[in-house]
Amino acid sequence: MVGTNLKAETMKLMDKRANKETEMDVIIQRLCQPGGPGFSGNLVDSEGFPRTDIDIPIVRADRHRLAELLNDHKIMTEKIDQNIQVLHSARLASTPSSVKDSDDTAGLGVQGSAVNIATASTSAMDMDVSFSRPFAVIDEITEESPAAEDGLQLGDQVVRFGNVQSGENLLQRLAAEAQSNQGCAVSMTVMRQGAMANVKVTPRAWQGRGLLGCNFRIL
């Protein structure tokens, strides 16, 4: 029952997070449209006057709302990860040896608690699939760039970059995540030579282009 309730809670959080991502995508598209101010572009012209080609109050409201959504998304992602870890821990710690030894007994439901645990375990693995599927690959890294110095490697398949894991408009969301975390370490999960690896990368200004100096190719 606990596993079932935890799965239901996690699925609700996933739905809420997906709604947040949809709203984020709309704001990102609006800020990053041709001629748009982006996430941190100047709202004044070269002479120091307010730009007349954009609606400054709307831009400020969009940037503020995007920051709120990114924070909410981060909190939800952390809670989802915690729930999945609990489900996996329950499976590993509580699966009776008798169930492992006798598939027929488990199938008949003789070990009732074991059946519940197995169900929770399967649900956890089903949900975990979405978290372990790479959505991008790093196909270019510039020497002496933040990406190179912080340990990223060519061919790394990106499973998670901060709060970005899947969904639409991934390149724009990756850019927003890097921009919003400039100067702060971002946790990444990558698939490297068939194994998962965790890397911390700090988006920052350097002599080259961008804040990371690498290229993400969406899979």
C-alpha atoms as a PDB file:
ATOM      1  CA  MET A   1       0.000   0.000   0.000  1.00  0.00           C
ATOM      2  CA  VAL A   2       2.828   2.348   0.889  1.00  0.00           C
ATOM      3  CA  GLY A   3       4.479   1.669  -2.455  1.00  0.00           C
ATOM      4  CA  THR A   4       1.201   2.263  -4.297  1.00  0.00           C
ATOM      5  CA  ASN A   5       0.590   5.551  -2.476  1.00  0.00           C
ATOM      6  CA  LEU A   6       4.154   6.677  -3.092  1.00  0.00           C
ATOM      7  CA  LYS A   7       3.854   5.848  -6.772  1.00  0.00           C
ATOM      8  CA  ALA A   8       0.594   7.832  -7.013  1.00  0.00           C
ATOM      9  CA  GLU A   9       2.214  10.804  -5.280  1.00  0.00           C
ATOM     10  CA  THR A  10       5.212  10.615  -7.597  1.00  0.00           C
ATOM     11  CA  MET A  11       3.058  10.405 -10.719  1.00  0.00           C
ATOM     12  CA  LYS A  12       1.123  13.499  -9.578  1.00  0.00           C
ATOM     13  CA  LEU A  13       4.395  15.342  -9.063  1.00  0.00           C
ATOM     14  CA  MET A  14       5.513  14.306 -12.545  1.00  0.00           C
ATOM     15  CA  ASP A  15       2.289  15.691 -14.022  1.00  0.00           C
ATOM     16  CA  LYS A  16       2.703  18.963 -12.128  1.00  0.00           C
ATOM     17  CA  ARG A  17       6.310  19.209 -13.239  1.00  0.00           C
ATOM     18  CA  ALA A  18       5.285  18.628 -16.845  1.00  0.00           C
ATOM     19  CA  ASN A  19       2.815  21.530 -16.545  1.00  0.00           C
ATOM     20  CA  LYS A  20       5.607  23.722 -15.176  1.00  0.00           C
ATOM     21  CA  GLU A  21       7.811  22.727 -18.117  1.00  0.00           C
ATOM     22  CA  THR A  22       5.071  23.677 -20.569  1.00  0.00           C
ATOM     23  CA  GLU A  23       4.740  27.125 -19.003  1.00  0.00           C
ATOM     24  CA  MET A  24       8.532  27.501 -18.968  1.00  0.00           C
ATOM     25  CA  ASP A  25       8.707  26.640 -22.657  1.00  0.00           C
ATOM     26  CA  VAL A  26       6.182  29.359 -23.511  1.00  0.00           C
ATOM     27  CA  ILE A  27       8.131  31.987 -21.567  1.00  0.00           C
ATOM     28  CA  ILE A  28      11.474  30.879 -22.998  1.00  0.00           C
ATOM     29  CA  GLN A  29      10.144  31.068 -26.548  1.00  0.00           C
ATOM     30  CA  ARG A  30       8.817  34.557 -25.876  1.00  0.00           C
ATOM     31  CA  LEU A  31      12.075  35.825 -24.354  1.00  0.00           C
ATOM     32  CA  CYS A  32      14.294  34.181 -26.973  1.00  0.00           C
ATOM     33  CA  GLN A  33      12.358  35.062 -30.110  1.00  0.00           C
ATOM     34  CA  PRO A  34      14.317  37.005 -32.766  1.00  0.00           C
ATOM     35  CA  GLY A  35      15.111  40.429 -31.382  1.00  0.00           C
ATOM     36  CA  GLY A  36      14.021  39.364 -27.908  1.00  0.00           C
ATOM     37  CA  PRO A  37      15.966  40.271 -24.756  1.00  0.00           C
ATOM     38  CA  GLY A  38      16.720  36.685 -23.771  1.00  0.00           C
ATOM     39  CA  PHE A  39      17.240  35.748 -20.148  1.00  0.00           C
ATOM     40  CA  SER A  40      19.560  38.575 -19.178  1.00  0.00           C
ATOM     41  CA  GLY A  41      19.823  40.962 -22.125  1.00  0.00           C
ATOM     42  CA  ASN A  42      19.836  44.698 -21.533  1.00  0.00           C
ATOM     43  CA  LEU A  43      16.514  46.469 -21.265  1.00  0.00           C
ATOM     44  CA  VAL A  44      18.101  49.798 -22.192  1.00  0.00           C
ATOM     45  CA  ASP A  45      19.728  50.898 -25.431  1.00  0.00           C
ATOM     46  CA  SER A  46      23.315  52.021 -25.958  1.00  0.00           C
ATOM     47  CA  GLU A  47      22.388  55.525 -24.794  1.00  0.00           C
ATOM     48  CA  GLY A  48      20.837  54.281 -21.572  1.00  0.00           C
ATOM     49  CA  PHE A  49      17.210  54.793 -22.568  1.00  0.00           C
ATOM     50  CA  PRO A  50      14.541  52.065 -22.189  1.00  0.00           C
ATOM     51  CA  ARG A  51      14.357  49.928 -25.303  1.00  0.00           C
ATOM     52  CA  THR A  52      11.341  50.739 -27.436  1.00  0.00           C
ATOM     53  CA  ASP A  53      11.329  47.441 -29.348  1.00  0.00           C
ATOM     54  CA  ILE A  54      10.241  45.366 -26.344  1.00  0.00           C
ATOM     55  CA  ASP A  55       7.584  45.575 -23.644  1.00  0.00           C
ATOM     56  CA  ILE A  56       9.818  46.001 -20.608  1.00  0.00           C
ATOM     57  CA  PRO A  57       7.166  45.281 -17.908  1.00  0.00           C
ATOM     58  CA  ILE A  58       6.243  42.024 -19.654  1.00  0.00           C
ATOM     59  CA  VAL A  59       9.911  41.031 -20.008  1.00  0.00           C
ATOM     60  CA  ARG A  60      10.514  41.654 -16.318  1.00  0.00           C
ATOM     61  CA  ALA A  61       7.404  39.696 -15.397  1.00  0.00           C
ATOM     62  CA  ASP A  62       8.459  36.819 -17.665  1.00  0.00           C
ATOM     63  CA  ARG A  63      11.942  36.671 -16.157  1.00  0.00           C
ATOM     64  CA  HIS A  64      10.539  36.733 -12.637  1.00  0.00           C
ATOM     65  CA  ARG A  65       8.021  33.995 -13.426  1.00  0.00           C
ATOM     66  CA  LEU A  66      10.688  31.866 -15.114  1.00  0.00           C
ATOM     67  CA  ALA A  67      12.868  32.081 -12.001  1.00  0.00           C
ATOM     68  CA  GLU A  68       9.902  30.935  -9.885  1.00  0.00           C
ATOM     69  CA  LEU A  69       9.174  28.041 -12.251  1.00  0.00           C
ATOM     70  CA  LEU A  70      12.815  26.929 -12.272  1.00  0.00           C
ATOM     71  CA  ASN A  71      12.832  26.880  -8.481  1.00  0.00           C
ATOM     72  CA  ASP A  72       9.545  24.936  -8.315  1.00  0.00           C
ATOM     73  CA  HIS A  73      10.845  22.519 -10.953  1.00  0.00           C
ATOM     74  CA  LYS A  74      14.008  21.906  -8.926  1.00  0.00           C
ATOM     75  CA  ILE A  75      12.041  21.180  -5.739  1.00  0.00           C
ATOM     76  CA  MET A  76       9.687  18.797  -7.562  1.00  0.00           C
ATOM     77  CA  THR A  77      12.572  16.975  -9.245  1.00  0.00           C
ATOM     78  CA  GLU A  78      14.336  16.465  -5.922  1.00  0.00           C
ATOM     79  CA  LYS A  79      11.138  15.094  -4.344  1.00  0.00           C
ATOM     80  CA  ILE A  80      10.530  12.759  -7.296  1.00  0.00           C
ATOM     81  CA  ASP A  81      14.087  11.456  -7.030  1.00  0.00           C
ATOM     82  CA  GLN A  82      13.665  10.874  -3.291  1.00  0.00           C
ATOM     83  CA  ASN A  83      10.451   8.925  -3.849  1.00  0.00           C
ATOM     84  CA  ILE A  84      12.062   6.737  -6.497  1.00  0.00           C
ATOM     85  CA  GLN A  85      14.987   6.018  -4.189  1.00  0.00           C
ATOM     86  CA  VAL A  86      12.551   4.983  -1.433  1.00  0.00           C
ATOM     87  CA  LEU A  87      10.750   2.634  -3.802  1.00  0.00           C
ATOM     88  CA  HIS A  88      14.020   1.050  -4.878  1.00  0.00           C
ATOM     89  CA  SER A  89      15.230   0.767  -1.280  1.00  0.00           C
ATOM     90  CA  ALA A  90      12.010  -0.981  -0.288  1.00  0.00           C
ATOM     91  CA  ARG A  91      12.507  -3.500  -3.049  1.00  0.00           C
ATOM     92  CA  LEU A  92      16.144  -4.198  -2.191  1.00  0.00           C
ATOM     93  CA  ALA A  93      15.675  -4.344   1.576  1.00  0.00           C
ATOM     94  CA  SER A  94      12.363  -6.145   1.891  1.00  0.00           C
ATOM     95  CA  THR A  95      11.998  -8.710  -0.911  1.00  0.00           C
ATOM     96  CA  PRO A  96      11.774 -12.086   0.891  1.00  0.00           C
ATOM     97  CA  SER A  97      14.201 -14.803  -0.204  1.00  0.00           C
ATOM     98  CA  SER A  98      11.244 -17.210  -0.538  1.00  0.00           C
ATOM     99  CA  VAL A  99       9.889 -15.101  -3.363  1.00  0.00           C
ATOM    100  CA  LYS A 100      13.221 -15.253  -5.148  1.00  0.00           C
ATOM    101  CA  ASP A 101      13.275 -19.044  -4.709  1.00  0.00           C
ATOM    102  CA  SER A 102       9.711 -19.699  -5.824  1.00  0.00           C
ATOM    103  CA  ASP A 103       8.124 -17.709  -8.613  1.00  0.00           C
ATOM    104  CA  ASP A 104       5.029 -19.951  -8.372  1.00  0.00           C
ATOM    105  CA  THR A 105       4.432 -19.033  -4.725  1.00  0.00           C
ATOM    106  CA  ALA A 106       4.734 -15.304  -5.450  1.00  0.00           C
ATOM    107  CA  GLY A 107       2.504 -15.664  -8.475  1.00  0.00           C
ATOM    108  CA  LEU A 108      -0.245 -17.273  -6.388  1.00  0.00           C
ATOM    109  CA  GLY A 109      -0.113 -14.401  -3.907  1.00  0.00           C
ATOM    110  CA  VAL A 110       0.812 -16.569  -0.913  1.00  0.00           C
ATOM    111  CA  GLN A 111       3.288 -13.943   0.186  1.00  0.00           C
ATOM    112  CA  GLY A 112       0.936 -10.984   0.099  1.00  0.00           C
ATOM    113  CA  SER A 113       3.463  -8.412   1.288  1.00  0.00           C
ATOM    114  CA  ALA A 114       5.964  -9.684  -1.243  1.00  0.00           C
ATOM    115  CA  VAL A 115       3.483  -9.137  -4.063  1.00  0.00           C
ATOM    116  CA  ASN A 116       2.960  -5.532  -2.935  1.00  0.00           C
ATOM    117  CA  ILE A 117       6.693  -4.974  -2.757  1.00  0.00           C
ATOM    118  CA  ALA A 118       7.201  -6.499  -6.181  1.00  0.00           C
ATOM    119  CA  THR A 119       4.492  -4.242  -7.610  1.00  0.00           C
ATOM    120  CA  ALA A 120       6.095  -1.167  -6.043  1.00  0.00           C
ATOM    121  CA  SER A 121       9.461  -2.308  -7.287  1.00  0.00           C
ATOM    122  CA  THR A 122       8.189  -2.672 -10.852  1.00  0.00           C
ATOM    123  CA  SER A 123       6.570   0.755 -10.684  1.00  0.00           C
ATOM    124  CA  ALA A 124       9.810   2.250  -9.464  1.00  0.00           C
ATOM    125  CA  MET A 125      11.742   0.686 -12.310  1.00  0.00           C
ATOM    126  CA  ASP A 126       9.130   1.811 -14.841  1.00  0.00           C
ATOM    127  CA  MET A 127       9.431   5.400 -13.624  1.00  0.00           C
ATOM    128  CA  ASP A 128      13.202   5.184 -13.391  1.00  0.00           C
ATOM    129  CA  VAL A 129      13.435   4.367 -17.102  1.00  0.00           C
ATOM    130  CA  SER A 130      12.467   7.941 -17.994  1.00  0.00           C
ATOM    131  CA  PHE A 131      15.212   9.240 -15.720  1.00  0.00           C
ATOM    132  CA  SER A 132      17.947   7.077 -17.224  1.00  0.00           C
ATOM    133  CA  ARG A 133      17.269   7.665 -20.919  1.00  0.00           C
ATOM    134  CA  PRO A 134      19.778  10.128 -22.421  1.00  0.00           C
ATOM    135  CA  PHE A 135      18.247  13.046 -24.311  1.00  0.00           C
ATOM    136  CA  ALA A 136      21.423  14.613 -25.711  1.00  0.00           C
ATOM    137  CA  VAL A 137      25.034  13.815 -26.488  1.00  0.00           C
ATOM    138  CA  ILE A 138      28.054  16.094 -26.145  1.00  0.00           C
ATOM    139  CA  ASP A 139      29.643  16.061 -29.586  1.00  0.00           C
ATOM    140  CA  GLU A 140      32.015  19.027 -29.238  1.00  0.00           C
ATOM    141  CA  ILE A 141      34.092  20.409 -26.377  1.00  0.00           C
ATOM    142  CA  THR A 142      36.468  23.357 -26.684  1.00  0.00           C
ATOM    143  CA  GLU A 143      39.825  23.135 -24.946  1.00  0.00           C
ATOM    144  CA  GLU A 144      40.165  25.151 -21.713  1.00  0.00           C
ATOM    145  CA  SER A 145      36.410  25.651 -21.616  1.00  0.00           C
ATOM    146  CA  PRO A 146      34.364  25.211 -18.418  1.00  0.00           C
ATOM    147  CA  ALA A 147      33.024  21.912 -19.790  1.00  0.00           C
ATOM    148  CA  ALA A 148      36.564  20.593 -20.399  1.00  0.00           C
ATOM    149  CA  GLU A 149      37.942  21.809 -17.079  1.00  0.00           C
ATOM    150  CA  ASP A 150      35.001  20.422 -15.102  1.00  0.00           C
ATOM    151  CA  GLY A 151      35.322  16.928 -16.520  1.00  0.00           C
ATOM    152  CA  LEU A 152      32.844  16.520 -19.359  1.00  0.00           C
ATOM    153  CA  GLN A 153      33.992  14.242 -22.160  1.00  0.00           C
ATOM    154  CA  LEU A 154      33.197  13.881 -25.833  1.00  0.00           C
ATOM    155  CA  GLY A 155      30.480  11.294 -26.297  1.00  0.00           C
ATOM    156  CA  ASP A 156      28.932  11.805 -22.871  1.00  0.00           C
ATOM    157  CA  GLN A 157      25.207  11.137 -23.188  1.00  0.00           C
ATOM    158  CA  VAL A 158      23.258  13.585 -21.058  1.00  0.00           C
ATOM    159  CA  VAL A 159      20.564  12.107 -18.817  1.00  0.00           C
ATOM    160  CA  ARG A 160      20.113  15.219 -16.710  1.00  0.00           C
ATOM    161  CA  PHE A 161      21.495  18.744 -16.708  1.00  0.00           C
ATOM    162  CA  GLY A 162      20.329  20.471 -13.536  1.00  0.00           C
ATOM    163  CA  ASN A 163      16.541  20.483 -13.762  1.00  0.00           C
ATOM    164  CA  VAL A 164      16.441  19.525 -17.439  1.00  0.00           C
ATOM    165  CA  GLN A 165      15.737  15.856 -18.100  1.00  0.00           C
ATOM    166  CA  SER A 166      13.282  15.539 -20.963  1.00  0.00           C
ATOM    167  CA  GLY A 167      10.467  17.330 -22.766  1.00  0.00           C
ATOM    168  CA  GLU A 168      10.172  19.891 -25.514  1.00  0.00           C
ATOM    169  CA  ASN A 169      12.492  22.763 -26.504  1.00  0.00           C
ATOM    170  CA  LEU A 170      15.441  21.093 -24.825  1.00  0.00           C
ATOM    171  CA  LEU A 171      18.131  23.348 -26.293  1.00  0.00           C
ATOM    172  CA  GLN A 172      16.350  26.470 -25.086  1.00  0.00           C
ATOM    173  CA  ARG A 173      15.814  24.958 -21.644  1.00  0.00           C
ATOM    174  CA  LEU A 174      19.450  23.894 -21.439  1.00  0.00           C
ATOM    175  CA  ALA A 175      20.476  27.464 -22.257  1.00  0.00           C
ATOM    176  CA  ALA A 176      18.099  28.814 -19.619  1.00  0.00           C
ATOM    177  CA  GLU A 177      19.412  26.368 -17.024  1.00  0.00           C
ATOM    178  CA  ALA A 178      23.015  27.370 -17.727  1.00  0.00           C
ATOM    179  CA  GLN A 179      22.148  31.076 -17.678  1.00  0.00           C
ATOM    180  CA  SER A 180      20.199  30.865 -14.420  1.00  0.00           C
ATOM    181  CA  ASN A 181      23.073  28.975 -12.750  1.00  0.00           C
ATOM    182  CA  GLN A 182      25.950  31.131 -13.980  1.00  0.00           C
ATOM    183  CA  GLY A 183      28.726  30.889 -11.419  1.00  0.00           C
ATOM    184  CA  CYS A 184      27.028  27.991  -9.592  1.00  0.00           C
ATOM    185  CA  ALA A 185      27.759  24.275  -9.902  1.00  0.00           C
ATOM    186  CA  VAL A 186      25.132  22.337 -11.859  1.00  0.00           C
ATOM    187  CA  SER A 187      24.727  18.617 -11.228  1.00  0.00           C
ATOM    188  CA  MET A 188      24.787  16.495 -14.364  1.00  0.00           C
ATOM    189  CA  THR A 189      24.106  12.803 -14.888  1.00  0.00           C
ATOM    190  CA  VAL A 190      25.699  11.339 -17.989  1.00  0.00           C
ATOM    191  CA  MET A 191      25.979   7.919 -19.552  1.00  0.00           C
ATOM    192  CA  ARG A 192      29.694   7.361 -20.149  1.00  0.00           C
ATOM    193  CA  GLN A 193      30.921   4.166 -21.783  1.00  0.00           C
ATOM    194  CA  GLY A 194      27.785   2.323 -20.685  1.00  0.00           C
ATOM    195  CA  ALA A 195      27.868   3.475 -17.058  1.00  0.00           C
ATOM    196  CA  MET A 196      26.188   6.342 -15.240  1.00  0.00           C
ATOM    197  CA  ALA A 197      28.435   9.138 -14.005  1.00  0.00           C
ATOM    198  CA  ASN A 198      27.699  12.263 -11.996  1.00  0.00           C
ATOM    199  CA  VAL A 199      29.524  15.455 -12.911  1.00  0.00           C
ATOM    200  CA  LYS A 200      29.310  19.001 -11.560  1.00  0.00           C
ATOM    201  CA  VAL A 201      29.768  21.745 -14.131  1.00  0.00           C
ATOM    202  CA  THR A 202      29.830  25.475 -13.408  1.00  0.00           C
ATOM    203  CA  PRO A 203      28.543  27.675 -16.263  1.00  0.00           C
ATOM    204  CA  ARG A 204      30.780  30.734 -16.370  1.00  0.00           C
ATOM    205  CA  ALA A 205      32.239  33.374 -18.632  1.00  0.00           C
ATOM    206  CA  TRP A 206      35.532  32.483 -20.282  1.00  0.00           C
ATOM    207  CA  GLN A 207      37.494  33.547 -23.341  1.00  0.00           C
ATOM    208  CA  GLY A 208      35.374  31.440 -25.686  1.00  0.00           C
ATOM    209  CA  ARG A 209      31.691  31.352 -26.653  1.00  0.00           C
ATOM    210  CA  GLY A 210      28.872  30.452 -24.337  1.00  0.00           C
ATOM    211  CA  LEU A 211      29.008  29.598 -20.666  1.00  0.00           C
ATOM    212  CA  LEU A 212      30.118  25.981 -21.062  1.00  0.00           C
ATOM    213  CA  GLY A 213      32.091  25.730 -24.294  1.00  0.00           C
ATOM    214  CA  CYS A 214      30.483  22.508 -25.447  1.00  0.00           C
ATOM    215  CA  ASN A 215      27.746  21.487 -27.861  1.00  0.00           C
ATOM    216  CA  PHE A 216      24.663  19.486 -26.930  1.00  0.00           C
ATOM    217  CA  ARG A 217      23.152  17.473 -29.782  1.00  0.00           C
ATOM    218  CA  ILE A 218      19.608  16.400 -29.032  1.00  0.00           C
ATOM    219  CA  LEU A 219      19.034  12.696 -29.578  1.00  0.00           C
END
